[in-house]
Amino acid sequence: MNAPGELRVRRTDTAALYERFPHLQTIDLIWGSVDCRRHLFRLMTDTRGGTRRGFPAEHAGTVMRLLLEHDRLFPQFEDDGLDMRWGDEHLRPAGR
């Protein structure tokens, strides 16, 4: 747990992720906000009706570590009312 007043700096190594996906560097700009939590969650969720290819395993792992680290450092944003399904609602039977 962070000491009072301690900065909540991201520790997950993002060098390879940002090299392959430079547009994701915006994560650093919004780190520590509800927008960052939503962005990281959406990166790990198929929001394109099954057409999203997904990240290579190495980069998916980095995004997941970022999401988990953000939730640990900023728990107030973890449950912000987002639909927490993993983007597979188009595969589910109606009513589930």
N, C-alpha and C. Protein backbone atom coordinates (compact mmCIF):
# COMPACT_ATOMS: atom_id res chain seq x y z
N MET A 1 0.85 -1.19 0.00
CA MET A 1 0.00 0.00 0.00
C MET A 1 0.88 1.24 0.00
N ASN A 2 0.44 2.27 -0.66
CA ASN A 2 1.21 3.50 -0.75
C ASN A 2 1.16 4.28 0.55
N ALA A 3 2.31 4.88 0.88
CA ALA A 3 2.36 5.76 2.04
C ALA A 3 1.62 7.04 1.70
N PRO A 4 1.07 7.73 2.71
CA PRO A 4 0.36 8.98 2.43
C PRO A 4 1.26 9.95 1.68
N GLY A 5 0.74 10.53 0.63
CA GLY A 5 1.50 11.51 -0.14
C GLY A 5 2.43 10.89 -1.18
N GLU A 6 2.60 9.57 -1.16
CA GLU A 6 3.47 8.93 -2.13
C GLU A 6 2.82 9.00 -3.52
N LEU A 7 3.63 9.34 -4.52
CA LEU A 7 3.11 9.38 -5.89
C LEU A 7 2.73 7.98 -6.33
N ARG A 8 1.69 7.90 -7.09
CA ARG A 8 1.22 6.61 -7.58
C ARG A 8 1.70 6.44 -9.02
N VAL A 9 2.98 6.18 -9.14
CA VAL A 9 3.65 6.10 -10.43
C VAL A 9 3.49 4.70 -11.01
N ARG A 10 3.26 4.65 -12.29
CA ARG A 10 3.15 3.38 -13.00
C ARG A 10 4.50 2.69 -12.99
N ARG A 11 4.50 1.39 -12.67
CA ARG A 11 5.73 0.61 -12.63
C ARG A 11 5.81 -0.43 -13.75
N THR A 12 4.71 -0.74 -14.37
CA THR A 12 4.69 -1.73 -15.45
C THR A 12 5.52 -1.21 -16.62
N ASP A 13 6.41 -2.05 -17.14
CA ASP A 13 7.26 -1.68 -18.27
C ASP A 13 6.42 -1.66 -19.55
N THR A 14 6.33 -0.50 -20.16
CA THR A 14 5.51 -0.34 -21.37
C THR A 14 6.34 -0.10 -22.62
N ALA A 15 7.66 -0.22 -22.55
CA ALA A 15 8.54 0.12 -23.68
C ALA A 15 8.16 -0.66 -24.94
N ALA A 16 8.04 -1.97 -24.84
CA ALA A 16 7.72 -2.78 -26.03
C ALA A 16 6.30 -2.49 -26.53
N LEU A 17 5.36 -2.30 -25.60
CA LEU A 17 3.98 -2.00 -25.99
C LEU A 17 3.93 -0.68 -26.77
N TYR A 18 4.59 0.36 -26.26
CA TYR A 18 4.55 1.66 -26.89
C TYR A 18 5.35 1.68 -28.20
N GLU A 19 6.37 0.84 -28.29
CA GLU A 19 7.12 0.76 -29.54
C GLU A 19 6.23 0.18 -30.65
N ARG A 20 5.48 -0.85 -30.31
CA ARG A 20 4.61 -1.51 -31.31
C ARG A 20 3.32 -0.73 -31.56
N PHE A 21 2.79 -0.11 -30.49
CA PHE A 21 1.52 0.63 -30.56
C PHE A 21 1.74 2.04 -29.99
N PRO A 22 2.42 2.92 -30.72
CA PRO A 22 2.76 4.24 -30.16
C PRO A 22 1.56 5.07 -29.74
N HIS A 23 0.41 4.86 -30.35
CA HIS A 23 -0.77 5.63 -29.98
C HIS A 23 -1.22 5.34 -28.54
N LEU A 24 -0.77 4.22 -27.97
CA LEU A 24 -1.15 3.88 -26.60
C LEU A 24 -0.38 4.69 -25.55
N GLN A 25 0.57 5.50 -25.98
CA GLN A 25 1.29 6.34 -25.04
C GLN A 25 0.37 7.33 -24.33
N THR A 26 -0.84 7.49 -24.85
CA THR A 26 -1.82 8.35 -24.18
C THR A 26 -2.15 7.81 -22.78
N ILE A 27 -1.89 6.54 -22.55
CA ILE A 27 -2.11 5.96 -21.22
C ILE A 27 -1.34 6.77 -20.18
N ASP A 28 -0.12 7.16 -20.51
CA ASP A 28 0.69 7.94 -19.56
C ASP A 28 0.05 9.29 -19.25
N LEU A 29 -0.63 9.85 -20.21
CA LEU A 29 -1.25 11.17 -20.02
C LEU A 29 -2.48 11.11 -19.13
N ILE A 30 -3.19 9.99 -19.14
CA ILE A 30 -4.43 9.88 -18.38
C ILE A 30 -4.29 8.95 -17.16
N TRP A 31 -3.07 8.45 -16.89
CA TRP A 31 -2.83 7.54 -15.77
C TRP A 31 -3.38 8.15 -14.48
N GLY A 32 -4.06 7.33 -13.72
CA GLY A 32 -4.59 7.78 -12.43
C GLY A 32 -5.97 8.40 -12.52
N SER A 33 -6.63 8.22 -13.65
CA SER A 33 -7.97 8.80 -13.82
C SER A 33 -8.97 7.70 -14.16
N VAL A 34 -10.23 8.03 -14.00
CA VAL A 34 -11.28 7.10 -14.40
C VAL A 34 -11.23 6.85 -15.91
N ASP A 35 -10.84 7.86 -16.67
CA ASP A 35 -10.71 7.68 -18.12
C ASP A 35 -9.64 6.65 -18.46
N CYS A 36 -8.56 6.63 -17.71
CA CYS A 36 -7.52 5.64 -17.95
C CYS A 36 -8.04 4.24 -17.66
N ARG A 37 -8.76 4.09 -16.57
CA ARG A 37 -9.31 2.77 -16.20
C ARG A 37 -10.25 2.29 -17.31
N ARG A 38 -11.09 3.16 -17.79
CA ARG A 38 -12.03 2.79 -18.86
C ARG A 38 -11.29 2.43 -20.14
N HIS A 39 -10.27 3.22 -20.47
CA HIS A 39 -9.48 2.98 -21.68
C HIS A 39 -8.80 1.61 -21.61
N LEU A 40 -8.15 1.31 -20.50
CA LEU A 40 -7.46 0.02 -20.35
C LEU A 40 -8.45 -1.13 -20.43
N PHE A 41 -9.60 -0.98 -19.79
CA PHE A 41 -10.60 -2.04 -19.84
C PHE A 41 -11.09 -2.26 -21.26
N ARG A 42 -11.33 -1.17 -21.96
CA ARG A 42 -11.83 -1.30 -23.35
C ARG A 42 -10.78 -1.92 -24.27
N LEU A 43 -9.50 -1.68 -23.99
CA LEU A 43 -8.46 -2.31 -24.79
C LEU A 43 -8.49 -3.82 -24.67
N MET A 44 -8.95 -4.31 -23.53
CA MET A 44 -8.99 -5.75 -23.29
C MET A 44 -10.35 -6.35 -23.62
N THR A 45 -11.24 -5.54 -24.18
CA THR A 45 -12.60 -5.98 -24.46
C THR A 45 -12.91 -5.84 -25.94
N ASP A 46 -13.58 -6.83 -26.51
CA ASP A 46 -13.98 -6.74 -27.91
C ASP A 46 -15.19 -5.83 -28.00
N THR A 47 -14.96 -4.65 -28.51
CA THR A 47 -16.05 -3.69 -28.70
C THR A 47 -16.41 -3.56 -30.18
N ARG A 48 -15.95 -4.51 -30.98
CA ARG A 48 -16.16 -4.44 -32.42
C ARG A 48 -16.94 -5.65 -32.94
N GLY A 49 -17.79 -6.21 -32.12
CA GLY A 49 -18.66 -7.30 -32.56
C GLY A 49 -17.95 -8.54 -33.05
N GLY A 50 -16.83 -8.87 -32.46
CA GLY A 50 -16.11 -10.08 -32.83
C GLY A 50 -15.08 -9.89 -33.93
N THR A 51 -14.89 -8.66 -34.40
CA THR A 51 -13.92 -8.43 -35.47
C THR A 51 -12.55 -8.00 -34.97
N ARG A 52 -12.44 -7.72 -33.68
CA ARG A 52 -11.15 -7.31 -33.11
C ARG A 52 -10.22 -8.51 -33.06
N ARG A 53 -9.02 -8.35 -33.57
CA ARG A 53 -8.03 -9.44 -33.57
C ARG A 53 -7.39 -9.62 -32.21
N GLY A 54 -7.25 -8.57 -31.48
CA GLY A 54 -6.61 -8.64 -30.17
C GLY A 54 -5.12 -8.37 -30.28
N PHE A 55 -4.51 -8.18 -29.14
CA PHE A 55 -3.08 -7.92 -29.07
C PHE A 55 -2.30 -9.23 -29.09
N PRO A 56 -1.07 -9.20 -29.58
CA PRO A 56 -0.19 -10.35 -29.37
C PRO A 56 -0.07 -10.60 -27.87
N ALA A 57 0.19 -11.83 -27.49
CA ALA A 57 0.19 -12.22 -26.06
C ALA A 57 1.07 -11.32 -25.20
N GLU A 58 2.26 -11.00 -25.66
CA GLU A 58 3.16 -10.15 -24.88
C GLU A 58 2.52 -8.81 -24.55
N HIS A 59 1.87 -8.22 -25.53
CA HIS A 59 1.29 -6.89 -25.33
C HIS A 59 -0.04 -6.97 -24.58
N ALA A 60 -0.80 -8.03 -24.79
CA ALA A 60 -2.03 -8.22 -24.01
C ALA A 60 -1.68 -8.35 -22.53
N GLY A 61 -0.60 -9.06 -22.25
CA GLY A 61 -0.14 -9.19 -20.86
C GLY A 61 0.22 -7.86 -20.26
N THR A 62 0.87 -7.02 -21.03
CA THR A 62 1.25 -5.69 -20.53
C THR A 62 0.00 -4.85 -20.25
N VAL A 63 -0.95 -4.87 -21.16
CA VAL A 63 -2.19 -4.10 -20.95
C VAL A 63 -2.92 -4.62 -19.71
N MET A 64 -2.97 -5.93 -19.54
CA MET A 64 -3.63 -6.50 -18.36
C MET A 64 -2.89 -6.10 -17.09
N ARG A 65 -1.56 -6.12 -17.12
CA ARG A 65 -0.79 -5.69 -15.93
C ARG A 65 -1.06 -4.22 -15.63
N LEU A 66 -1.16 -3.40 -16.67
CA LEU A 66 -1.49 -1.99 -16.46
C LEU A 66 -2.85 -1.84 -15.80
N LEU A 67 -3.83 -2.58 -16.29
CA LEU A 67 -5.18 -2.52 -15.72
C LEU A 67 -5.16 -2.95 -14.26
N LEU A 68 -4.48 -4.05 -13.95
CA LEU A 68 -4.42 -4.53 -12.57
C LEU A 68 -3.67 -3.54 -11.67
N GLU A 69 -2.58 -2.97 -12.19
CA GLU A 69 -1.83 -1.99 -11.41
C GLU A 69 -2.67 -0.74 -11.17
N HIS A 70 -3.37 -0.29 -12.19
CA HIS A 70 -4.22 0.89 -12.03
C HIS A 70 -5.30 0.63 -10.99
N ASP A 71 -5.91 -0.55 -11.03
CA ASP A 71 -6.94 -0.89 -10.04
C ASP A 71 -6.37 -0.94 -8.62
N ARG A 72 -5.13 -1.42 -8.50
CA ARG A 72 -4.51 -1.49 -7.18
C ARG A 72 -4.20 -0.10 -6.65
N LEU A 73 -3.68 0.77 -7.51
CA LEU A 73 -3.29 2.11 -7.09
C LEU A 73 -4.47 3.07 -6.96
N PHE A 74 -5.49 2.85 -7.75
CA PHE A 74 -6.64 3.76 -7.80
C PHE A 74 -7.94 2.97 -7.69
N PRO A 75 -8.17 2.31 -6.55
CA PRO A 75 -9.35 1.44 -6.42
C PRO A 75 -10.67 2.18 -6.53
N GLN A 76 -10.66 3.47 -6.35
CA GLN A 76 -11.90 4.25 -6.44
C GLN A 76 -12.50 4.23 -7.84
N PHE A 77 -11.69 3.86 -8.85
CA PHE A 77 -12.18 3.83 -10.22
C PHE A 77 -12.55 2.44 -10.71
N GLU A 78 -12.31 1.44 -9.88
CA GLU A 78 -12.50 0.06 -10.33
C GLU A 78 -13.95 -0.25 -10.68
N ASP A 79 -14.88 0.21 -9.88
CA ASP A 79 -16.30 -0.06 -10.15
C ASP A 79 -16.99 1.26 -10.47
N ASP A 80 -16.93 1.64 -11.73
CA ASP A 80 -17.48 2.94 -12.12
C ASP A 80 -18.76 2.81 -12.92
N GLY A 81 -19.40 1.65 -12.85
CA GLY A 81 -20.66 1.46 -13.55
C GLY A 81 -20.51 0.96 -14.98
N LEU A 82 -19.29 0.70 -15.41
CA LEU A 82 -19.11 0.15 -16.76
C LEU A 82 -19.72 -1.24 -16.85
N ASP A 83 -20.20 -1.57 -18.02
CA ASP A 83 -20.65 -2.92 -18.29
C ASP A 83 -19.41 -3.80 -18.30
N MET A 84 -19.29 -4.71 -17.34
CA MET A 84 -18.05 -5.45 -17.14
C MET A 84 -17.98 -6.75 -17.93
N ARG A 85 -18.92 -6.97 -18.86
CA ARG A 85 -18.81 -8.16 -19.69
C ARG A 85 -17.60 -8.02 -20.60
N TRP A 86 -17.07 -9.11 -21.04
CA TRP A 86 -15.84 -9.11 -21.83
C TRP A 86 -16.12 -9.04 -23.32
N GLY A 87 -17.18 -8.37 -23.73
CA GLY A 87 -17.39 -8.11 -25.14
C GLY A 87 -17.95 -9.28 -25.91
N ASP A 88 -18.45 -10.27 -25.20
CA ASP A 88 -18.95 -11.45 -25.90
C ASP A 88 -20.47 -11.53 -25.88
N GLU A 89 -21.12 -10.41 -25.61
CA GLU A 89 -22.58 -10.44 -25.52
C GLU A 89 -23.23 -10.87 -26.83
N HIS A 90 -22.57 -10.65 -27.95
CA HIS A 90 -23.13 -11.08 -29.24
C HIS A 90 -23.11 -12.61 -29.38
N LEU A 91 -22.36 -13.30 -28.53
CA LEU A 91 -22.28 -14.76 -28.56
C LEU A 91 -23.22 -15.41 -27.57
N ARG A 92 -23.75 -14.63 -26.62
CA ARG A 92 -24.58 -15.18 -25.56
C ARG A 92 -26.03 -15.34 -26.02
N PRO A 93 -26.69 -16.38 -25.54
CA PRO A 93 -28.14 -16.50 -25.81
C PRO A 93 -28.89 -15.32 -25.20
N ALA A 94 -29.97 -14.94 -25.79
CA ALA A 94 -30.78 -13.82 -25.27
C ALA A 94 -31.15 -14.06 -23.83
N GLY A 95 -31.08 -13.00 -23.02
CA GLY A 95 -31.47 -13.09 -21.61
C GLY A 95 -30.37 -13.55 -20.69
N ARG A 96 -29.16 -13.73 -21.18
CA ARG A 96 -28.04 -14.16 -20.31
C ARG A 96 -27.03 -13.08 -20.18
